[in-house]
Amino acid sequence: MNRRLKLGVLGSGKGSNFKAIMEQIIDGKLPAEVGLVISDVPDAGILSYARDFQLPALFVNPGKYRTRLETEVEQDIVRLLQEAGVELVVLAGFMRVLKEPLLQAFPRSIINIHPSLLPKYKGLEAWKQALEAGEKVTGCTVHYVEKEIDAGHIVGQREVEIRADDTPESLHARIQEAEHELLPEVVRQIARERS
């Protein structure tokens, strides 16, 4: 009953979603532990947070492609995650498309957080897409990662109202607040299912 789900976290940015997960773990609200944090950006904030939490944190050079990892790099990441005993891979602002090595090694065990109410507004800057489309409500979605981008099984969603005076920045900030609640909640749900 006290089993803790072993997480591997991949991120490219400042690491606020990772921090939200760690705060829930430290507060005893999330039965999980982080085995490894990996970033494709050498000075990413997520790596600093991981070091602050005294967790293993690695920069992995993504290779020559802009939107995905080289196959050998992705195979290295699989090996690192497996060696760390990772059961669930959490993409917390990881800006590269995953391919076969990771998808095969962790079937239905990779989740991603996306800043829209999928299936609407896939891809980059989804909050801008929602704002430009005149939506009244948007939000965030946690889904399992599959071959097709932002199309895997939806595990959880949180709505965010779009206000008349919203700018892309103000809307994105409120969506991120919702993400910080939703992502740990979904990880908790998966941890319970797998305990």
C-alpha atoms as a PDB file:
ATOM      1  CA  MET A   1       0.000   0.000   0.000  1.00  0.00           C
ATOM      2  CA  ASN A   2       2.931   2.327   0.675  1.00  0.00           C
ATOM      3  CA  ARG A   3       4.561   1.595  -2.673  1.00  0.00           C
ATOM      4  CA  ARG A   4       5.828   4.701  -4.412  1.00  0.00           C
ATOM      5  CA  LEU A   5       5.603   5.010  -8.193  1.00  0.00           C
ATOM      6  CA  LYS A   6       9.045   5.671  -9.693  1.00  0.00           C
ATOM      7  CA  LEU A   7       8.967   8.637 -12.078  1.00  0.00           C
ATOM      8  CA  GLY A   8      11.323   9.827 -14.771  1.00  0.00           C
ATOM      9  CA  VAL A   9      10.754  13.449 -15.754  1.00  0.00           C
ATOM     10  CA  LEU A  10      11.743  14.970 -19.109  1.00  0.00           C
ATOM     11  CA  GLY A  11      11.621  18.725 -19.544  1.00  0.00           C
ATOM     12  CA  SER A  12      13.020  21.485 -21.733  1.00  0.00           C
ATOM     13  CA  GLY A  13      12.071  24.594 -19.789  1.00  0.00           C
ATOM     14  CA  LYS A  14      11.881  26.264 -16.418  1.00  0.00           C
ATOM     15  CA  GLY A  15      10.486  23.204 -14.643  1.00  0.00           C
ATOM     16  CA  SER A  16       7.418  24.620 -12.887  1.00  0.00           C
ATOM     17  CA  ASN A  17       5.338  21.467 -13.494  1.00  0.00           C
ATOM     18  CA  PHE A  18       8.174  19.313 -12.154  1.00  0.00           C
ATOM     19  CA  LYS A  19       8.374  21.587  -9.090  1.00  0.00           C
ATOM     20  CA  ALA A  20       4.609  21.170  -8.540  1.00  0.00           C
ATOM     21  CA  ILE A  21       5.039  17.368  -8.570  1.00  0.00           C
ATOM     22  CA  MET A  22       7.976  17.531  -6.153  1.00  0.00           C
ATOM     23  CA  GLU A  23       6.080  19.772  -3.726  1.00  0.00           C
ATOM     24  CA  GLN A  24       3.236  17.226  -3.617  1.00  0.00           C
ATOM     25  CA  ILE A  25       5.716  14.372  -3.050  1.00  0.00           C
ATOM     26  CA  ILE A  26       7.466  16.259  -0.237  1.00  0.00           C
ATOM     27  CA  ASP A  27       4.110  17.135   1.378  1.00  0.00           C
ATOM     28  CA  GLY A  28       3.229  13.415   1.400  1.00  0.00           C
ATOM     29  CA  LYS A  29       0.273  13.941  -0.942  1.00  0.00           C
ATOM     30  CA  LEU A  30       1.740  12.020  -3.875  1.00  0.00           C
ATOM     31  CA  PRO A  31       2.921   8.403  -3.459  1.00  0.00           C
ATOM     32  CA  ALA A  32       5.751   8.718  -5.940  1.00  0.00           C
ATOM     33  CA  GLU A  33       9.474   9.378  -6.153  1.00  0.00           C
ATOM     34  CA  VAL A  34      11.568  10.817  -8.958  1.00  0.00           C
ATOM     35  CA  GLY A  35      14.378   8.551 -10.098  1.00  0.00           C
ATOM     36  CA  LEU A  36      15.808  10.782 -12.817  1.00  0.00           C
ATOM     37  CA  VAL A  37      15.326  14.174 -14.476  1.00  0.00           C
ATOM     38  CA  ILE A  38      16.512  14.650 -18.066  1.00  0.00           C
ATOM     39  CA  SER A  39      16.599  17.779 -20.211  1.00  0.00           C
ATOM     40  CA  ASP A  40      17.568  18.429 -23.804  1.00  0.00           C
ATOM     41  CA  VAL A  41      18.554  22.012 -22.858  1.00  0.00           C
ATOM     42  CA  PRO A  42      21.834  22.369 -20.921  1.00  0.00           C
ATOM     43  CA  ASP A  43      20.763  25.342 -18.777  1.00  0.00           C
ATOM     44  CA  ALA A  44      17.079  24.436 -18.366  1.00  0.00           C
ATOM     45  CA  GLY A  45      15.488  25.477 -15.103  1.00  0.00           C
ATOM     46  CA  ILE A  46      14.191  21.950 -14.559  1.00  0.00           C
ATOM     47  CA  LEU A  47      17.785  20.746 -14.065  1.00  0.00           C
ATOM     48  CA  SER A  48      18.383  23.435 -11.421  1.00  0.00           C
ATOM     49  CA  TYR A  49      15.204  22.428  -9.589  1.00  0.00           C
ATOM     50  CA  ALA A  50      16.243  18.768  -9.727  1.00  0.00           C
ATOM     51  CA  ARG A  51      19.622  19.616  -8.190  1.00  0.00           C
ATOM     52  CA  ASP A  52      17.872  21.716  -5.520  1.00  0.00           C
ATOM     53  CA  PHE A  53      15.832  18.611  -4.651  1.00  0.00           C
ATOM     54  CA  GLN A  54      19.080  16.549  -4.698  1.00  0.00           C
ATOM     55  CA  LEU A  55      17.860  14.348  -7.543  1.00  0.00           C
ATOM     56  CA  PRO A  56      19.884  12.889 -10.421  1.00  0.00           C
ATOM     57  CA  ALA A  57      19.680  15.435 -13.243  1.00  0.00           C
ATOM     58  CA  LEU A  58      21.184  15.014 -16.701  1.00  0.00           C
ATOM     59  CA  PHE A  59      21.502  17.078 -19.838  1.00  0.00           C
ATOM     60  CA  VAL A  60      21.293  14.855 -22.904  1.00  0.00           C
ATOM     61  CA  ASN A  61      22.460  16.384 -26.171  1.00  0.00           C
ATOM     62  CA  PRO A  62      19.458  15.946 -28.507  1.00  0.00           C
ATOM     63  CA  GLY A  63      21.516  15.815 -31.698  1.00  0.00           C
ATOM     64  CA  LYS A  64      20.965  17.553 -35.002  1.00  0.00           C
ATOM     65  CA  TYR A  65      17.147  17.641 -35.206  1.00  0.00           C
ATOM     66  CA  ARG A  66      15.090  20.555 -33.929  1.00  0.00           C
ATOM     67  CA  THR A  67      11.829  18.787 -33.048  1.00  0.00           C
ATOM     68  CA  ARG A  68      12.881  15.255 -32.146  1.00  0.00           C
ATOM     69  CA  LEU A  69      15.786  13.303 -30.706  1.00  0.00           C
ATOM     70  CA  GLU A  70      18.274  11.324 -32.740  1.00  0.00           C
ATOM     71  CA  THR A  71      17.468   7.599 -32.480  1.00  0.00           C
ATOM     72  CA  GLU A  72      20.715   6.806 -30.631  1.00  0.00           C
ATOM     73  CA  VAL A  73      20.020   9.615 -28.146  1.00  0.00           C
ATOM     74  CA  GLU A  74      16.503   8.333 -27.534  1.00  0.00           C
ATOM     75  CA  GLN A  75      17.914   4.826 -26.995  1.00  0.00           C
ATOM     76  CA  ASP A  76      20.344   6.277 -24.434  1.00  0.00           C
ATOM     77  CA  ILE A  77      17.446   7.953 -22.627  1.00  0.00           C
ATOM     78  CA  VAL A  78      15.567   4.625 -22.540  1.00  0.00           C
ATOM     79  CA  ARG A  79      18.626   2.964 -20.988  1.00  0.00           C
ATOM     80  CA  LEU A  80      19.046   5.742 -18.401  1.00  0.00           C
ATOM     81  CA  LEU A  81      15.372   5.602 -17.421  1.00  0.00           C
ATOM     82  CA  GLN A  82      15.405   1.819 -17.177  1.00  0.00           C
ATOM     83  CA  GLU A  83      18.589   1.848 -15.088  1.00  0.00           C
ATOM     84  CA  ALA A  84      16.869   4.310 -12.727  1.00  0.00           C
ATOM     85  CA  GLY A  85      13.926   1.889 -12.375  1.00  0.00           C
ATOM     86  CA  VAL A  86      11.445   4.344 -13.890  1.00  0.00           C
ATOM     87  CA  GLU A  87       7.847   3.093 -14.223  1.00  0.00           C
ATOM     88  CA  LEU A  88       6.142   6.261 -15.485  1.00  0.00           C
ATOM     89  CA  VAL A  89       7.738   8.888 -17.741  1.00  0.00           C
ATOM     90  CA  VAL A  90       6.347  12.398 -17.241  1.00  0.00           C
ATOM     91  CA  LEU A  91       6.854  14.957 -20.002  1.00  0.00           C
ATOM     92  CA  ALA A  92       6.807  18.285 -18.178  1.00  0.00           C
ATOM     93  CA  GLY A  93       7.353  20.832 -20.930  1.00  0.00           C
ATOM     94  CA  PHE A  94       9.514  18.524 -23.038  1.00  0.00           C
ATOM     95  CA  MET A  95       9.570  20.112 -26.493  1.00  0.00           C
ATOM     96  CA  ARG A  96      10.525  17.138 -28.648  1.00  0.00           C
ATOM     97  CA  VAL A  97       8.427  14.470 -30.316  1.00  0.00           C
ATOM     98  CA  LEU A  98       9.096  10.978 -28.980  1.00  0.00           C
ATOM     99  CA  LYS A  99       9.622   8.101 -31.393  1.00  0.00           C
ATOM    100  CA  GLU A 100       9.807   4.299 -31.283  1.00  0.00           C
ATOM    101  CA  PRO A 101      12.600   3.706 -28.746  1.00  0.00           C
ATOM    102  CA  LEU A 102      10.766   5.418 -25.875  1.00  0.00           C
ATOM    103  CA  LEU A 103       7.244   4.516 -27.006  1.00  0.00           C
ATOM    104  CA  GLN A 104       8.175   0.815 -27.240  1.00  0.00           C
ATOM    105  CA  ALA A 105      10.124   0.765 -23.971  1.00  0.00           C
ATOM    106  CA  PHE A 106       7.342   2.492 -21.979  1.00  0.00           C
ATOM    107  CA  PRO A 107       4.005   1.475 -23.552  1.00  0.00           C
ATOM    108  CA  ARG A 108       1.107   3.425 -21.995  1.00  0.00           C
ATOM    109  CA  SER A 109       3.591   4.674 -19.424  1.00  0.00           C
ATOM    110  CA  ILE A 110       4.461   8.125 -20.800  1.00  0.00           C
ATOM    111  CA  ILE A 111       2.227  11.095 -19.999  1.00  0.00           C
ATOM    112  CA  ASN A 112       2.340  14.638 -21.325  1.00  0.00           C
ATOM    113  CA  ILE A 113       0.701  17.876 -20.218  1.00  0.00           C
ATOM    114  CA  HIS A 114      -0.633  20.068 -23.024  1.00  0.00           C
ATOM    115  CA  PRO A 115      -1.973  23.647 -22.672  1.00  0.00           C
ATOM    116  CA  SER A 116      -5.385  23.183 -24.308  1.00  0.00           C
ATOM    117  CA  LEU A 117      -8.503  21.077 -23.958  1.00  0.00           C
ATOM    118  CA  LEU A 118      -7.502  18.375 -26.412  1.00  0.00           C
ATOM    119  CA  PRO A 119      -8.460  17.349 -29.035  1.00  0.00           C
ATOM    120  CA  LYS A 120      -8.694  21.109 -29.743  1.00  0.00           C
ATOM    121  CA  TYR A 121      -5.534  23.102 -30.446  1.00  0.00           C
ATOM    122  CA  LYS A 122      -2.734  20.612 -30.779  1.00  0.00           C
ATOM    123  CA  GLY A 123       0.849  21.700 -31.296  1.00  0.00           C
ATOM    124  CA  LEU A 124       2.743  24.793 -30.211  1.00  0.00           C
ATOM    125  CA  GLU A 125       1.310  27.804 -28.361  1.00  0.00           C
ATOM    126  CA  ALA A 126      -2.143  26.262 -28.025  1.00  0.00           C
ATOM    127  CA  TRP A 127      -3.295  29.075 -25.708  1.00  0.00           C
ATOM    128  CA  LYS A 128      -2.706  31.592 -28.537  1.00  0.00           C
ATOM    129  CA  GLN A 129      -4.682  29.383 -30.909  1.00  0.00           C
ATOM    130  CA  ALA A 130      -7.621  29.291 -28.471  1.00  0.00           C
ATOM    131  CA  LEU A 131      -7.484  33.055 -27.912  1.00  0.00           C
ATOM    132  CA  GLU A 132      -7.336  33.832 -31.647  1.00  0.00           C
ATOM    133  CA  ALA A 133     -10.261  31.483 -32.291  1.00  0.00           C
ATOM    134  CA  GLY A 134     -12.448  33.464 -29.873  1.00  0.00           C
ATOM    135  CA  GLU A 135     -12.964  30.583 -27.441  1.00  0.00           C
ATOM    136  CA  LYS A 136     -14.608  31.315 -24.084  1.00  0.00           C
ATOM    137  CA  VAL A 137     -12.927  28.395 -22.319  1.00  0.00           C
ATOM    138  CA  THR A 138      -9.640  26.580 -22.761  1.00  0.00           C
ATOM    139  CA  GLY A 139      -7.470  24.715 -20.287  1.00  0.00           C
ATOM    140  CA  CYS A 140      -4.989  21.890 -20.056  1.00  0.00           C
ATOM    141  CA  THR A 141      -4.923  18.161 -20.715  1.00  0.00           C
ATOM    142  CA  VAL A 142      -2.826  15.260 -19.474  1.00  0.00           C
ATOM    143  CA  HIS A 143      -2.717  12.432 -21.992  1.00  0.00           C
ATOM    144  CA  TYR A 144      -0.772   9.268 -22.709  1.00  0.00           C
ATOM    145  CA  VAL A 145       1.853   9.774 -25.396  1.00  0.00           C
ATOM    146  CA  GLU A 146       1.436   7.846 -28.636  1.00  0.00           C
ATOM    147  CA  LYS A 147       2.911   8.150 -32.144  1.00  0.00           C
ATOM    148  CA  GLU A 148       0.464  10.851 -33.222  1.00  0.00           C
ATOM    149  CA  ILE A 149       1.219  14.207 -31.588  1.00  0.00           C
ATOM    150  CA  ASP A 150      -1.149  15.336 -28.795  1.00  0.00           C
ATOM    151  CA  ALA A 151      -3.556  12.516 -29.652  1.00  0.00           C
ATOM    152  CA  GLY A 152      -3.130   9.836 -26.975  1.00  0.00           C
ATOM    153  CA  HIS A 153      -5.787   8.717 -24.487  1.00  0.00           C
ATOM    154  CA  ILE A 154      -6.839  11.633 -22.255  1.00  0.00           C
ATOM    155  CA  VAL A 155      -6.315  10.990 -18.535  1.00  0.00           C
ATOM    156  CA  GLY A 156      -7.441  14.345 -17.133  1.00  0.00           C
ATOM    157  CA  GLN A 157      -8.409  17.890 -18.044  1.00  0.00           C
ATOM    158  CA  ARG A 158      -8.846  21.206 -16.259  1.00  0.00           C
ATOM    159  CA  GLU A 159     -10.830  24.119 -17.703  1.00  0.00           C
ATOM    160  CA  VAL A 160      -9.632  27.726 -17.667  1.00  0.00           C
ATOM    161  CA  GLU A 161     -11.997  30.588 -18.514  1.00  0.00           C
ATOM    162  CA  ILE A 162     -10.825  32.994 -21.204  1.00  0.00           C
ATOM    163  CA  ARG A 163     -11.459  36.552 -20.025  1.00  0.00           C
ATOM    164  CA  ALA A 164     -12.305  39.497 -22.256  1.00  0.00           C
ATOM    165  CA  ASP A 165      -9.089  41.301 -21.305  1.00  0.00           C
ATOM    166  CA  ASP A 166      -6.795  38.266 -21.627  1.00  0.00           C
ATOM    167  CA  THR A 167      -3.505  38.553 -23.467  1.00  0.00           C
ATOM    168  CA  PRO A 168      -1.644  35.432 -24.600  1.00  0.00           C
ATOM    169  CA  GLU A 169       0.660  35.910 -21.591  1.00  0.00           C
ATOM    170  CA  SER A 170      -2.084  36.293 -18.962  1.00  0.00           C
ATOM    171  CA  LEU A 171      -4.009  33.317 -20.342  1.00  0.00           C
ATOM    172  CA  HIS A 172      -0.891  31.150 -20.486  1.00  0.00           C
ATOM    173  CA  ALA A 173      -0.055  32.042 -16.863  1.00  0.00           C
ATOM    174  CA  ARG A 174      -3.510  30.891 -15.670  1.00  0.00           C
ATOM    175  CA  ILE A 175      -3.287  27.702 -17.744  1.00  0.00           C
ATOM    176  CA  GLN A 176       0.066  26.963 -16.101  1.00  0.00           C
ATOM    177  CA  GLU A 177      -1.534  27.369 -12.660  1.00  0.00           C
ATOM    178  CA  ALA A 178      -4.136  24.783 -13.704  1.00  0.00           C
ATOM    179  CA  GLU A 179      -1.350  22.507 -15.001  1.00  0.00           C
ATOM    180  CA  HIS A 180       0.379  22.669 -11.604  1.00  0.00           C
ATOM    181  CA  GLU A 181      -2.786  21.222 -10.038  1.00  0.00           C
ATOM    182  CA  LEU A 182      -3.730  18.761 -12.767  1.00  0.00           C
ATOM    183  CA  LEU A 183      -0.395  17.033 -13.442  1.00  0.00           C
ATOM    184  CA  PRO A 184       0.279  15.920  -9.838  1.00  0.00           C
ATOM    185  CA  GLU A 185      -3.392  14.890  -9.549  1.00  0.00           C
ATOM    186  CA  VAL A 186      -3.076  12.612 -12.593  1.00  0.00           C
ATOM    187  CA  VAL A 187       0.232  11.161 -11.372  1.00  0.00           C
ATOM    188  CA  ARG A 188      -1.500  10.416  -8.031  1.00  0.00           C
ATOM    189  CA  GLN A 189      -4.356   8.683  -9.858  1.00  0.00           C
ATOM    190  CA  ILE A 190      -1.919   6.533 -11.880  1.00  0.00           C
ATOM    191  CA  ALA A 191       0.125   5.743  -8.742  1.00  0.00           C
ATOM    192  CA  ARG A 192      -3.058   4.495  -7.009  1.00  0.00           C
ATOM    193  CA  GLU A 193      -4.018   2.379 -10.026  1.00  0.00           C
ATOM    194  CA  ARG A 194      -0.570   0.774 -10.101  1.00  0.00           C
ATOM    195  CA  SER A 195      -0.050   0.259  -6.353  1.00  0.00           C
END
